[in-house]
Amino acid sequence: MRTSPSMCFALYLRDCAGLGVIGQPAVSPVKPSVHCTDPRQAVHAVGGMTALRVEWEAWWYELVAGRGNGHRVPTPPEFPELQAMPALQQLTHAHYGTALTWTEEYDAAHRERERSRMARGARLDVGELVRERELELGRAARNFTLDIVELPLSETRAWFVEPDMLLVSEDLHDDETAFRSYVQPVVEFIA
């Protein structure tokens, strides 16, 4: 269970630009919501809003496929990671400071939330779900990994990304019954 600063950064830019719920998986807006700006002027010369939408969706696909790319966010001042995405590069240039600050604040709050969960023993034991599944199957579970990425999303739910990743809203993790209702079917599927 972890978070992904690069995914948080991307979601901040998506919501800041008012792109709506796009990408695969199409996760809900971030929480707390961010101030939406009109990016049309910033991206006009490099393909406009259509290009920005397509480029953001391609970037999100890369982030999801790459498991959030660790802790890396685009590197200033030229953002070479976005070189093939000029509209997204322009948006990032215009909002880098606020996006980075928002992402770092969420990351710090996430670490504190994790410490608090661990201190009060409020962490779902996925191993327990695996043991339950093994009893149901009458055999040992297949070897697998389940990458659970917690994000600051406004909708309390999870999104399964095959073959072995689950994107979850931070509030879902705090509701053990609901969290279990999303994780258990995934464990049953992949174990």
N, C-alpha and C. Protein backbone atom coordinates (compact mmCIF):
# COMPACT_ATOMS: atom_id res chain seq x y z
N MET A 1 0.86 -1.17 0.00
CA MET A 1 0.00 0.00 0.00
C MET A 1 0.90 1.23 0.00
N ARG A 2 0.67 2.09 -0.95
CA ARG A 2 1.51 3.28 -1.09
C ARG A 2 0.72 4.36 -1.81
N THR A 3 1.35 5.49 -2.00
CA THR A 3 0.77 6.52 -2.86
C THR A 3 1.73 6.76 -4.02
N SER A 4 1.33 7.56 -4.96
CA SER A 4 2.15 7.86 -6.12
C SER A 4 2.16 9.36 -6.36
N PRO A 5 3.25 10.03 -5.99
CA PRO A 5 3.33 11.47 -6.25
C PRO A 5 3.14 11.83 -7.72
N SER A 6 3.66 11.01 -8.62
CA SER A 6 3.50 11.34 -10.04
C SER A 6 2.03 11.26 -10.47
N MET A 7 1.29 10.30 -9.95
CA MET A 7 -0.14 10.21 -10.26
C MET A 7 -0.90 11.38 -9.63
N CYS A 8 -0.55 11.73 -8.40
CA CYS A 8 -1.19 12.87 -7.74
C CYS A 8 -0.95 14.15 -8.53
N PHE A 9 0.28 14.34 -8.97
CA PHE A 9 0.65 15.51 -9.76
C PHE A 9 -0.18 15.56 -11.04
N ALA A 10 -0.29 14.43 -11.72
CA ALA A 10 -1.06 14.36 -12.96
C ALA A 10 -2.54 14.67 -12.71
N LEU A 11 -3.08 14.13 -11.63
CA LEU A 11 -4.49 14.37 -11.32
C LEU A 11 -4.73 15.83 -10.97
N TYR A 12 -3.77 16.45 -10.28
CA TYR A 12 -3.89 17.87 -9.98
C TYR A 12 -4.00 18.66 -11.29
N LEU A 13 -3.11 18.38 -12.24
CA LEU A 13 -3.13 19.10 -13.52
C LEU A 13 -4.43 18.85 -14.28
N ARG A 14 -4.91 17.62 -14.26
CA ARG A 14 -6.17 17.30 -14.94
C ARG A 14 -7.31 18.16 -14.39
N ASP A 15 -7.41 18.20 -13.06
CA ASP A 15 -8.50 18.95 -12.43
C ASP A 15 -8.31 20.45 -12.54
N CYS A 16 -7.07 20.90 -12.44
CA CYS A 16 -6.76 22.32 -12.56
C CYS A 16 -7.14 22.83 -13.95
N ALA A 17 -6.94 22.02 -14.97
CA ALA A 17 -7.24 22.40 -16.34
C ALA A 17 -8.71 22.20 -16.69
N GLY A 18 -9.47 21.62 -15.77
CA GLY A 18 -10.89 21.41 -16.03
C GLY A 18 -11.15 20.36 -17.09
N LEU A 19 -10.29 19.36 -17.18
CA LEU A 19 -10.44 18.33 -18.20
C LEU A 19 -11.54 17.33 -17.89
N GLY A 20 -12.04 17.34 -16.67
CA GLY A 20 -13.08 16.39 -16.29
C GLY A 20 -12.50 15.03 -15.98
N VAL A 21 -13.37 14.06 -15.80
CA VAL A 21 -12.97 12.70 -15.45
C VAL A 21 -12.65 11.98 -16.75
N ILE A 22 -11.35 11.91 -17.07
CA ILE A 22 -10.89 11.27 -18.31
C ILE A 22 -9.79 10.29 -17.97
N GLY A 23 -9.38 9.51 -18.94
CA GLY A 23 -8.29 8.55 -18.77
C GLY A 23 -8.84 7.18 -18.41
N GLN A 24 -7.95 6.20 -18.48
CA GLN A 24 -8.31 4.83 -18.11
C GLN A 24 -7.36 4.33 -17.04
N PRO A 25 -7.82 4.03 -15.86
CA PRO A 25 -9.21 4.17 -15.44
C PRO A 25 -9.55 5.63 -15.17
N ALA A 26 -10.81 5.95 -15.37
CA ALA A 26 -11.30 7.32 -15.19
C ALA A 26 -11.65 7.52 -13.72
N VAL A 27 -10.64 7.91 -12.95
CA VAL A 27 -10.85 8.10 -11.51
C VAL A 27 -11.50 9.45 -11.26
N SER A 28 -12.14 9.56 -10.11
CA SER A 28 -12.88 10.77 -9.75
C SER A 28 -11.95 11.96 -9.54
N PRO A 29 -12.52 13.16 -9.42
CA PRO A 29 -11.70 14.35 -9.14
C PRO A 29 -10.95 14.21 -7.81
N VAL A 30 -9.93 15.02 -7.64
CA VAL A 30 -9.14 14.96 -6.42
C VAL A 30 -9.88 15.63 -5.26
N LYS A 31 -9.43 15.25 -4.07
CA LYS A 31 -9.99 15.81 -2.84
C LYS A 31 -8.83 16.24 -1.97
N PRO A 32 -8.77 17.44 -1.48
CA PRO A 32 -9.74 18.51 -1.73
C PRO A 32 -9.62 19.00 -3.17
N SER A 33 -10.71 19.56 -3.64
CA SER A 33 -10.72 20.03 -5.03
C SER A 33 -9.71 21.16 -5.21
N VAL A 34 -9.26 21.30 -6.43
CA VAL A 34 -8.27 22.33 -6.74
C VAL A 34 -8.93 23.43 -7.57
N HIS A 35 -8.32 24.60 -7.53
CA HIS A 35 -8.84 25.73 -8.29
C HIS A 35 -8.69 25.46 -9.77
N CYS A 36 -9.79 25.53 -10.49
CA CYS A 36 -9.79 25.27 -11.92
C CYS A 36 -9.45 26.56 -12.67
N THR A 37 -8.55 26.45 -13.62
CA THR A 37 -8.17 27.61 -14.44
C THR A 37 -8.49 27.32 -15.90
N ASP A 38 -8.52 28.34 -16.70
CA ASP A 38 -8.77 28.17 -18.13
C ASP A 38 -7.43 28.07 -18.85
N PRO A 39 -7.04 26.87 -19.29
CA PRO A 39 -5.73 26.69 -19.91
C PRO A 39 -5.69 26.98 -21.41
N ARG A 40 -6.79 27.43 -21.99
CA ARG A 40 -6.84 27.57 -23.45
C ARG A 40 -5.74 28.47 -24.00
N GLN A 41 -5.47 29.58 -23.34
CA GLN A 41 -4.44 30.49 -23.84
C GLN A 41 -3.06 29.84 -23.76
N ALA A 42 -2.78 29.12 -22.69
CA ALA A 42 -1.47 28.50 -22.51
C ALA A 42 -1.20 27.41 -23.54
N VAL A 43 -2.25 26.72 -23.99
CA VAL A 43 -2.05 25.59 -24.89
C VAL A 43 -2.50 25.87 -26.34
N HIS A 44 -2.97 27.06 -26.60
CA HIS A 44 -3.51 27.40 -27.92
C HIS A 44 -2.50 27.13 -29.05
N ALA A 45 -1.28 27.56 -28.88
CA ALA A 45 -0.27 27.45 -29.95
C ALA A 45 0.25 26.03 -30.15
N VAL A 46 -0.08 25.12 -29.23
CA VAL A 46 0.43 23.75 -29.33
C VAL A 46 -0.69 22.71 -29.43
N GLY A 47 -1.77 23.07 -30.08
CA GLY A 47 -2.84 22.10 -30.33
C GLY A 47 -4.12 22.32 -29.56
N GLY A 48 -4.10 23.24 -28.61
CA GLY A 48 -5.32 23.58 -27.89
C GLY A 48 -5.78 22.50 -26.92
N MET A 49 -7.05 22.63 -26.54
CA MET A 49 -7.63 21.76 -25.53
C MET A 49 -7.74 20.31 -26.00
N THR A 50 -7.97 20.11 -27.27
CA THR A 50 -8.05 18.74 -27.79
C THR A 50 -6.71 18.03 -27.60
N ALA A 51 -5.64 18.71 -27.96
CA ALA A 51 -4.30 18.13 -27.79
C ALA A 51 -4.01 17.89 -26.30
N LEU A 52 -4.37 18.86 -25.47
CA LEU A 52 -4.12 18.71 -24.03
C LEU A 52 -4.84 17.48 -23.49
N ARG A 53 -6.08 17.29 -23.87
CA ARG A 53 -6.85 16.14 -23.40
C ARG A 53 -6.20 14.82 -23.85
N VAL A 54 -5.84 14.74 -25.13
CA VAL A 54 -5.22 13.53 -25.67
C VAL A 54 -3.88 13.26 -24.98
N GLU A 55 -3.08 14.31 -24.81
CA GLU A 55 -1.77 14.14 -24.18
C GLU A 55 -1.91 13.75 -22.72
N TRP A 56 -2.86 14.33 -22.01
CA TRP A 56 -3.02 13.97 -20.60
C TRP A 56 -3.43 12.50 -20.49
N GLU A 57 -4.36 12.09 -21.35
CA GLU A 57 -4.80 10.69 -21.30
C GLU A 57 -3.65 9.73 -21.61
N ALA A 58 -2.80 10.09 -22.55
CA ALA A 58 -1.63 9.26 -22.88
C ALA A 58 -0.67 9.21 -21.70
N TRP A 59 -0.46 10.35 -21.04
CA TRP A 59 0.42 10.40 -19.88
C TRP A 59 -0.15 9.56 -18.75
N TRP A 60 -1.44 9.68 -18.48
CA TRP A 60 -2.07 8.90 -17.43
C TRP A 60 -1.92 7.40 -17.72
N TYR A 61 -2.11 7.02 -18.98
CA TYR A 61 -1.93 5.62 -19.37
C TYR A 61 -0.52 5.15 -19.04
N GLU A 62 0.48 5.98 -19.37
CA GLU A 62 1.87 5.64 -19.07
C GLU A 62 2.09 5.50 -17.56
N LEU A 63 1.53 6.42 -16.79
CA LEU A 63 1.69 6.38 -15.34
C LEU A 63 1.05 5.12 -14.76
N VAL A 64 -0.14 4.79 -15.20
CA VAL A 64 -0.83 3.60 -14.69
C VAL A 64 -0.06 2.35 -15.10
N ALA A 65 0.35 2.27 -16.36
CA ALA A 65 1.09 1.09 -16.84
C ALA A 65 2.43 0.96 -16.13
N GLY A 66 3.04 2.09 -15.80
CA GLY A 66 4.33 2.07 -15.12
C GLY A 66 4.22 2.09 -13.61
N ARG A 67 3.02 1.84 -13.10
CA ARG A 67 2.77 1.78 -11.65
C ARG A 67 3.04 3.10 -10.96
N GLY A 68 2.74 4.20 -11.62
CA GLY A 68 2.89 5.52 -10.99
C GLY A 68 4.27 6.10 -11.09
N ASN A 69 5.19 5.37 -11.74
CA ASN A 69 6.55 5.87 -11.96
C ASN A 69 7.23 6.31 -10.67
N GLY A 70 6.99 5.58 -9.60
CA GLY A 70 7.65 5.89 -8.34
C GLY A 70 7.31 7.27 -7.83
N HIS A 71 8.30 7.99 -7.40
CA HIS A 71 8.10 9.30 -6.80
C HIS A 71 8.44 10.43 -7.75
N ARG A 72 8.61 10.14 -9.02
CA ARG A 72 9.05 11.16 -9.96
C ARG A 72 7.90 11.98 -10.51
N VAL A 73 8.07 13.26 -10.49
CA VAL A 73 7.16 14.17 -11.18
C VAL A 73 8.00 14.81 -12.29
N PRO A 74 7.37 15.44 -13.26
CA PRO A 74 8.16 16.05 -14.33
C PRO A 74 9.22 17.01 -13.79
N THR A 75 10.37 17.01 -14.45
CA THR A 75 11.54 17.75 -14.00
C THR A 75 11.63 19.13 -14.65
N PRO A 76 11.61 20.18 -13.81
CA PRO A 76 11.74 21.54 -14.38
C PRO A 76 13.18 21.80 -14.80
N PRO A 77 13.47 22.77 -15.60
CA PRO A 77 12.52 23.75 -16.12
C PRO A 77 11.90 23.35 -17.45
N GLU A 78 12.46 22.36 -18.15
CA GLU A 78 11.97 22.02 -19.49
C GLU A 78 11.02 20.82 -19.52
N PHE A 79 10.92 20.07 -18.42
CA PHE A 79 10.03 18.90 -18.33
C PHE A 79 10.27 17.93 -19.48
N PRO A 80 11.50 17.39 -19.57
CA PRO A 80 11.82 16.50 -20.69
C PRO A 80 10.94 15.24 -20.74
N GLU A 81 10.38 14.83 -19.62
CA GLU A 81 9.49 13.66 -19.61
C GLU A 81 8.25 13.90 -20.47
N LEU A 82 7.93 15.16 -20.70
CA LEU A 82 6.74 15.52 -21.48
C LEU A 82 7.10 16.12 -22.83
N GLN A 83 8.32 15.88 -23.30
CA GLN A 83 8.80 16.50 -24.53
C GLN A 83 7.91 16.20 -25.73
N ALA A 84 7.35 15.01 -25.80
CA ALA A 84 6.49 14.64 -26.93
C ALA A 84 5.05 15.10 -26.72
N MET A 85 4.80 15.84 -25.64
CA MET A 85 3.45 16.29 -25.30
C MET A 85 3.48 17.80 -25.04
N PRO A 86 3.58 18.61 -26.10
CA PRO A 86 3.79 20.04 -25.91
C PRO A 86 2.66 20.78 -25.17
N ALA A 87 1.42 20.38 -25.36
CA ALA A 87 0.32 21.06 -24.64
C ALA A 87 0.41 20.74 -23.15
N LEU A 88 0.67 19.50 -22.83
CA LEU A 88 0.82 19.11 -21.42
C LEU A 88 2.06 19.75 -20.82
N GLN A 89 3.10 19.87 -21.59
CA GLN A 89 4.33 20.53 -21.15
C GLN A 89 4.05 22.00 -20.81
N GLN A 90 3.26 22.67 -21.64
CA GLN A 90 2.89 24.06 -21.39
C GLN A 90 2.05 24.19 -20.12
N LEU A 91 1.08 23.30 -19.96
CA LEU A 91 0.24 23.32 -18.76
C LEU A 91 1.09 23.09 -17.52
N THR A 92 2.01 22.15 -17.60
CA THR A 92 2.89 21.85 -16.47
C THR A 92 3.75 23.06 -16.15
N HIS A 93 4.27 23.71 -17.17
CA HIS A 93 5.09 24.90 -16.96
C HIS A 93 4.29 25.98 -16.23
N ALA A 94 3.04 26.16 -16.62
CA ALA A 94 2.21 27.21 -16.03
C ALA A 94 1.80 26.91 -14.59
N HIS A 95 1.70 25.62 -14.22
CA HIS A 95 1.17 25.27 -12.90
C HIS A 95 2.10 24.40 -12.07
N TYR A 96 3.36 24.32 -12.46
CA TYR A 96 4.27 23.42 -11.78
C TYR A 96 4.36 23.69 -10.27
N GLY A 97 4.54 24.93 -9.89
CA GLY A 97 4.71 25.27 -8.48
C GLY A 97 3.54 24.85 -7.62
N THR A 98 2.34 25.21 -8.05
CA THR A 98 1.17 24.85 -7.24
C THR A 98 0.91 23.35 -7.28
N ALA A 99 1.13 22.71 -8.42
CA ALA A 99 0.94 21.26 -8.51
C ALA A 99 1.93 20.53 -7.62
N LEU A 100 3.17 20.97 -7.62
CA LEU A 100 4.18 20.32 -6.80
C LEU A 100 3.89 20.52 -5.32
N THR A 101 3.53 21.74 -4.93
CA THR A 101 3.20 22.01 -3.52
C THR A 101 2.03 21.16 -3.08
N TRP A 102 0.97 21.11 -3.89
CA TRP A 102 -0.20 20.31 -3.56
C TRP A 102 0.18 18.83 -3.41
N THR A 103 0.99 18.33 -4.34
CA THR A 103 1.43 16.93 -4.31
C THR A 103 2.27 16.64 -3.07
N GLU A 104 3.21 17.53 -2.75
CA GLU A 104 4.06 17.33 -1.57
C GLU A 104 3.24 17.40 -0.28
N GLU A 105 2.27 18.30 -0.23
CA GLU A 105 1.41 18.38 0.96
C GLU A 105 0.59 17.11 1.12
N TYR A 106 0.07 16.58 0.02
CA TYR A 106 -0.68 15.32 0.11
C TYR A 106 0.24 14.19 0.54
N ASP A 107 1.43 14.13 -0.02
CA ASP A 107 2.37 13.06 0.32
C ASP A 107 2.70 13.09 1.82
N ALA A 108 2.94 14.27 2.37
CA ALA A 108 3.23 14.40 3.81
C ALA A 108 2.01 13.99 4.63
N ALA A 109 0.82 14.42 4.22
CA ALA A 109 -0.40 14.05 4.93
C ALA A 109 -0.64 12.54 4.85
N HIS A 110 -0.31 11.95 3.71
CA HIS A 110 -0.47 10.50 3.54
C HIS A 110 0.45 9.75 4.49
N ARG A 111 1.69 10.18 4.59
CA ARG A 111 2.62 9.52 5.51
C ARG A 111 2.11 9.61 6.95
N GLU A 112 1.60 10.78 7.33
CA GLU A 112 1.07 10.95 8.69
C GLU A 112 -0.17 10.08 8.89
N ARG A 113 -1.01 10.00 7.89
CA ARG A 113 -2.20 9.17 7.98
C ARG A 113 -1.82 7.70 8.14
N GLU A 114 -0.80 7.26 7.42
CA GLU A 114 -0.32 5.89 7.53
C GLU A 114 0.21 5.60 8.93
N ARG A 115 0.99 6.55 9.48
CA ARG A 115 1.49 6.37 10.85
C ARG A 115 0.33 6.25 11.84
N SER A 116 -0.66 7.09 11.67
CA SER A 116 -1.83 7.06 12.55
C SER A 116 -2.59 5.74 12.41
N ARG A 117 -2.75 5.26 11.20
CA ARG A 117 -3.44 3.97 10.98
C ARG A 117 -2.68 2.84 11.65
N MET A 118 -1.38 2.84 11.48
CA MET A 118 -0.57 1.78 12.07
C MET A 118 -0.62 1.83 13.59
N ALA A 119 -0.59 3.03 14.15
CA ALA A 119 -0.61 3.19 15.60
C ALA A 119 -1.91 2.67 16.21
N ARG A 120 -3.01 2.84 15.50
CA ARG A 120 -4.28 2.37 16.05
C ARG A 120 -4.69 1.00 15.48
N GLY A 121 -3.81 0.39 14.69
CA GLY A 121 -4.05 -0.95 14.16
C GLY A 121 -5.17 -1.00 13.15
N ALA A 122 -5.37 0.08 12.43
CA ALA A 122 -6.48 0.16 11.48
C ALA A 122 -6.01 -0.09 10.06
N ARG A 123 -5.22 -1.10 9.86
CA ARG A 123 -4.72 -1.42 8.53
C ARG A 123 -5.22 -2.80 8.15
N LEU A 124 -5.95 -2.89 7.04
CA LEU A 124 -6.49 -4.17 6.59
C LEU A 124 -5.34 -5.10 6.24
N ASP A 125 -5.42 -6.31 6.75
CA ASP A 125 -4.40 -7.32 6.49
C ASP A 125 -4.79 -8.09 5.23
N VAL A 126 -4.16 -7.77 4.12
CA VAL A 126 -4.45 -8.44 2.86
C VAL A 126 -4.06 -9.91 2.97
N GLY A 127 -3.04 -10.19 3.78
CA GLY A 127 -2.64 -11.58 4.00
C GLY A 127 -3.77 -12.41 4.58
N GLU A 128 -4.59 -11.79 5.42
CA GLU A 128 -5.74 -12.48 5.99
C GLU A 128 -6.74 -12.86 4.89
N LEU A 129 -6.93 -11.96 3.94
CA LEU A 129 -7.82 -12.25 2.81
C LEU A 129 -7.28 -13.41 1.97
N VAL A 130 -5.97 -13.46 1.82
CA VAL A 130 -5.34 -14.54 1.06
C VAL A 130 -5.54 -15.87 1.80
N ARG A 131 -5.33 -15.87 3.11
CA ARG A 131 -5.52 -17.10 3.88
C ARG A 131 -6.98 -17.58 3.80
N GLU A 132 -7.92 -16.65 3.86
CA GLU A 132 -9.34 -17.01 3.71
C GLU A 132 -9.59 -17.65 2.34
N ARG A 133 -8.99 -17.08 1.32
CA ARG A 133 -9.16 -17.61 -0.04
C ARG A 133 -8.56 -19.00 -0.17
N GLU A 134 -7.40 -19.19 0.47
CA GLU A 134 -6.77 -20.51 0.44
C GLU A 134 -7.67 -21.57 1.09
N LEU A 135 -8.32 -21.20 2.19
CA LEU A 135 -9.25 -22.14 2.83
C LEU A 135 -10.41 -22.48 1.91
N GLU A 136 -10.94 -21.48 1.21
CA GLU A 136 -12.04 -21.71 0.27
C GLU A 136 -11.61 -22.64 -0.87
N LEU A 137 -10.38 -22.42 -1.36
CA LEU A 137 -9.89 -23.20 -2.51
C LEU A 137 -9.37 -24.57 -2.12
N GLY A 138 -8.96 -24.71 -0.86
CA GLY A 138 -8.36 -25.97 -0.43
C GLY A 138 -6.96 -26.16 -0.97
N ARG A 139 -6.32 -25.07 -1.30
CA ARG A 139 -4.94 -25.11 -1.82
C ARG A 139 -4.25 -23.79 -1.50
N ALA A 140 -2.95 -23.78 -1.70
CA ALA A 140 -2.20 -22.54 -1.51
C ALA A 140 -2.51 -21.57 -2.66
N ALA A 141 -2.48 -20.31 -2.36
CA ALA A 141 -2.71 -19.29 -3.38
C ALA A 141 -1.54 -19.27 -4.36
N ARG A 142 -1.83 -18.89 -5.59
CA ARG A 142 -0.75 -18.69 -6.56
C ARG A 142 0.10 -17.52 -6.07
N ASN A 143 1.36 -17.52 -6.47
CA ASN A 143 2.20 -16.37 -6.16
C ASN A 143 1.68 -15.16 -6.93
N PHE A 144 1.51 -14.04 -6.25
CA PHE A 144 1.03 -12.83 -6.90
C PHE A 144 1.45 -11.62 -6.09
N THR A 145 1.37 -10.49 -6.74
CA THR A 145 1.54 -9.22 -6.04
C THR A 145 0.29 -8.41 -6.31
N LEU A 146 -0.07 -7.57 -5.36
CA LEU A 146 -1.18 -6.65 -5.53
C LEU A 146 -0.68 -5.28 -5.11
N ASP A 147 -0.54 -4.43 -6.08
CA ASP A 147 -0.05 -3.08 -5.86
C ASP A 147 -1.25 -2.19 -5.56
N ILE A 148 -1.37 -1.73 -4.32
CA ILE A 148 -2.48 -0.88 -3.91
C ILE A 148 -1.95 0.55 -3.81
N VAL A 149 -2.48 1.42 -4.67
CA VAL A 149 -2.04 2.81 -4.73
C VAL A 149 -3.17 3.69 -4.21
N GLU A 150 -2.89 4.38 -3.11
CA GLU A 150 -3.89 5.25 -2.49
C GLU A 150 -3.73 6.67 -3.03
N LEU A 151 -4.85 7.25 -3.45
CA LEU A 151 -4.84 8.59 -4.05
C LEU A 151 -5.91 9.46 -3.38
N PRO A 152 -5.72 10.78 -3.41
CA PRO A 152 -6.69 11.69 -2.78
C PRO A 152 -7.88 11.96 -3.71
N LEU A 153 -8.79 11.01 -3.76
CA LEU A 153 -9.91 11.10 -4.69
C LEU A 153 -11.22 11.37 -3.95
N SER A 154 -12.11 12.09 -4.61
CA SER A 154 -13.35 12.51 -3.98
C SER A 154 -14.39 11.40 -3.86
N GLU A 155 -14.27 10.38 -4.67
CA GLU A 155 -15.22 9.27 -4.62
C GLU A 155 -14.62 8.15 -3.80
N THR A 156 -15.36 7.64 -2.84
CA THR A 156 -14.88 6.59 -1.96
C THR A 156 -15.08 5.24 -2.64
N ARG A 157 -14.05 4.81 -3.36
CA ARG A 157 -14.11 3.55 -4.08
C ARG A 157 -12.73 3.14 -4.56
N ALA A 158 -12.67 2.06 -5.35
CA ALA A 158 -11.42 1.56 -5.90
C ALA A 158 -11.62 1.26 -7.38
N TRP A 159 -10.50 1.27 -8.11
CA TRP A 159 -10.49 0.97 -9.53
C TRP A 159 -9.44 -0.11 -9.75
N PHE A 160 -9.86 -1.28 -10.24
CA PHE A 160 -8.93 -2.39 -10.50
C PHE A 160 -8.30 -2.19 -11.86
N VAL A 161 -6.98 -2.29 -11.91
CA VAL A 161 -6.23 -2.18 -13.15
C VAL A 161 -5.52 -3.52 -13.34
N GLU A 162 -5.97 -4.27 -14.33
CA GLU A 162 -5.37 -5.58 -14.55
C GLU A 162 -3.92 -5.44 -14.96
N PRO A 163 -3.05 -6.33 -14.56
CA PRO A 163 -3.38 -7.59 -13.91
C PRO A 163 -3.32 -7.53 -12.38
N ASP A 164 -2.71 -6.49 -11.79
CA ASP A 164 -2.46 -6.60 -10.35
C ASP A 164 -2.33 -5.26 -9.62
N MET A 165 -3.11 -4.28 -10.02
CA MET A 165 -3.03 -2.99 -9.35
C MET A 165 -4.44 -2.52 -8.99
N LEU A 166 -4.54 -1.89 -7.84
CA LEU A 166 -5.79 -1.35 -7.37
C LEU A 166 -5.54 0.10 -6.97
N LEU A 167 -6.25 1.02 -7.63
CA LEU A 167 -6.19 2.43 -7.24
C LEU A 167 -7.34 2.65 -6.27
N VAL A 168 -7.03 3.20 -5.10
CA VAL A 168 -8.07 3.38 -4.07
C VAL A 168 -8.06 4.81 -3.58
N SER A 169 -9.25 5.29 -3.24
CA SER A 169 -9.33 6.61 -2.62
C SER A 169 -8.89 6.50 -1.18
N GLU A 170 -8.29 7.56 -0.66
CA GLU A 170 -7.79 7.51 0.72
C GLU A 170 -8.91 7.27 1.72
N ASP A 171 -10.09 7.77 1.47
CA ASP A 171 -11.21 7.56 2.39
C ASP A 171 -11.68 6.11 2.41
N LEU A 172 -11.52 5.40 1.30
CA LEU A 172 -11.93 4.00 1.26
C LEU A 172 -11.14 3.19 2.27
N HIS A 173 -9.86 3.47 2.37
CA HIS A 173 -9.01 2.70 3.29
C HIS A 173 -9.46 2.86 4.74
N ASP A 174 -10.08 3.97 5.07
CA ASP A 174 -10.52 4.20 6.44
C ASP A 174 -11.84 3.53 6.77
N ASP A 175 -12.50 2.96 5.78
CA ASP A 175 -13.74 2.21 6.00
C ASP A 175 -13.43 0.75 5.73
N GLU A 176 -13.11 0.01 6.79
CA GLU A 176 -12.61 -1.36 6.63
C GLU A 176 -13.59 -2.26 5.87
N THR A 177 -14.88 -2.13 6.13
CA THR A 177 -15.87 -2.96 5.45
C THR A 177 -15.89 -2.66 3.95
N ALA A 178 -15.93 -1.38 3.61
CA ALA A 178 -15.95 -1.00 2.19
C ALA A 178 -14.63 -1.38 1.52
N PHE A 179 -13.51 -1.13 2.21
CA PHE A 179 -12.20 -1.46 1.65
C PHE A 179 -12.14 -2.96 1.35
N ARG A 180 -12.58 -3.75 2.30
CA ARG A 180 -12.57 -5.19 2.12
C ARG A 180 -13.45 -5.60 0.94
N SER A 181 -14.58 -4.90 0.77
CA SER A 181 -15.50 -5.26 -0.32
C SER A 181 -14.87 -5.03 -1.70
N TYR A 182 -13.90 -4.13 -1.78
CA TYR A 182 -13.20 -3.91 -3.05
C TYR A 182 -11.98 -4.83 -3.20
N VAL A 183 -11.27 -5.06 -2.11
CA VAL A 183 -10.03 -5.83 -2.18
C VAL A 183 -10.29 -7.33 -2.27
N GLN A 184 -11.26 -7.82 -1.53
CA GLN A 184 -11.50 -9.26 -1.49
C GLN A 184 -11.77 -9.86 -2.87
N PRO A 185 -12.64 -9.28 -3.70
CA PRO A 185 -12.85 -9.88 -5.03
C PRO A 185 -11.58 -9.89 -5.90
N VAL A 186 -10.75 -8.87 -5.73
CA VAL A 186 -9.50 -8.82 -6.49
C VAL A 186 -8.58 -9.94 -6.02
N VAL A 187 -8.47 -10.13 -4.70
CA VAL A 187 -7.64 -11.22 -4.17
C VAL A 187 -8.17 -12.55 -4.66
N GLU A 188 -9.49 -12.72 -4.64
CA GLU A 188 -10.08 -13.98 -5.12
C GLU A 188 -9.77 -14.22 -6.59
N PHE A 189 -9.74 -13.15 -7.37
CA PHE A 189 -9.47 -13.24 -8.81
C PHE A 189 -8.03 -13.61 -9.10
N ILE A 190 -7.10 -13.00 -8.38
CA ILE A 190 -5.69 -13.21 -8.73
C ILE A 190 -4.99 -14.29 -7.90
N ALA A 191 -5.60 -14.72 -6.80
CA ALA A 191 -4.98 -15.76 -5.97
C ALA A 191 -5.33 -17.13 -6.50
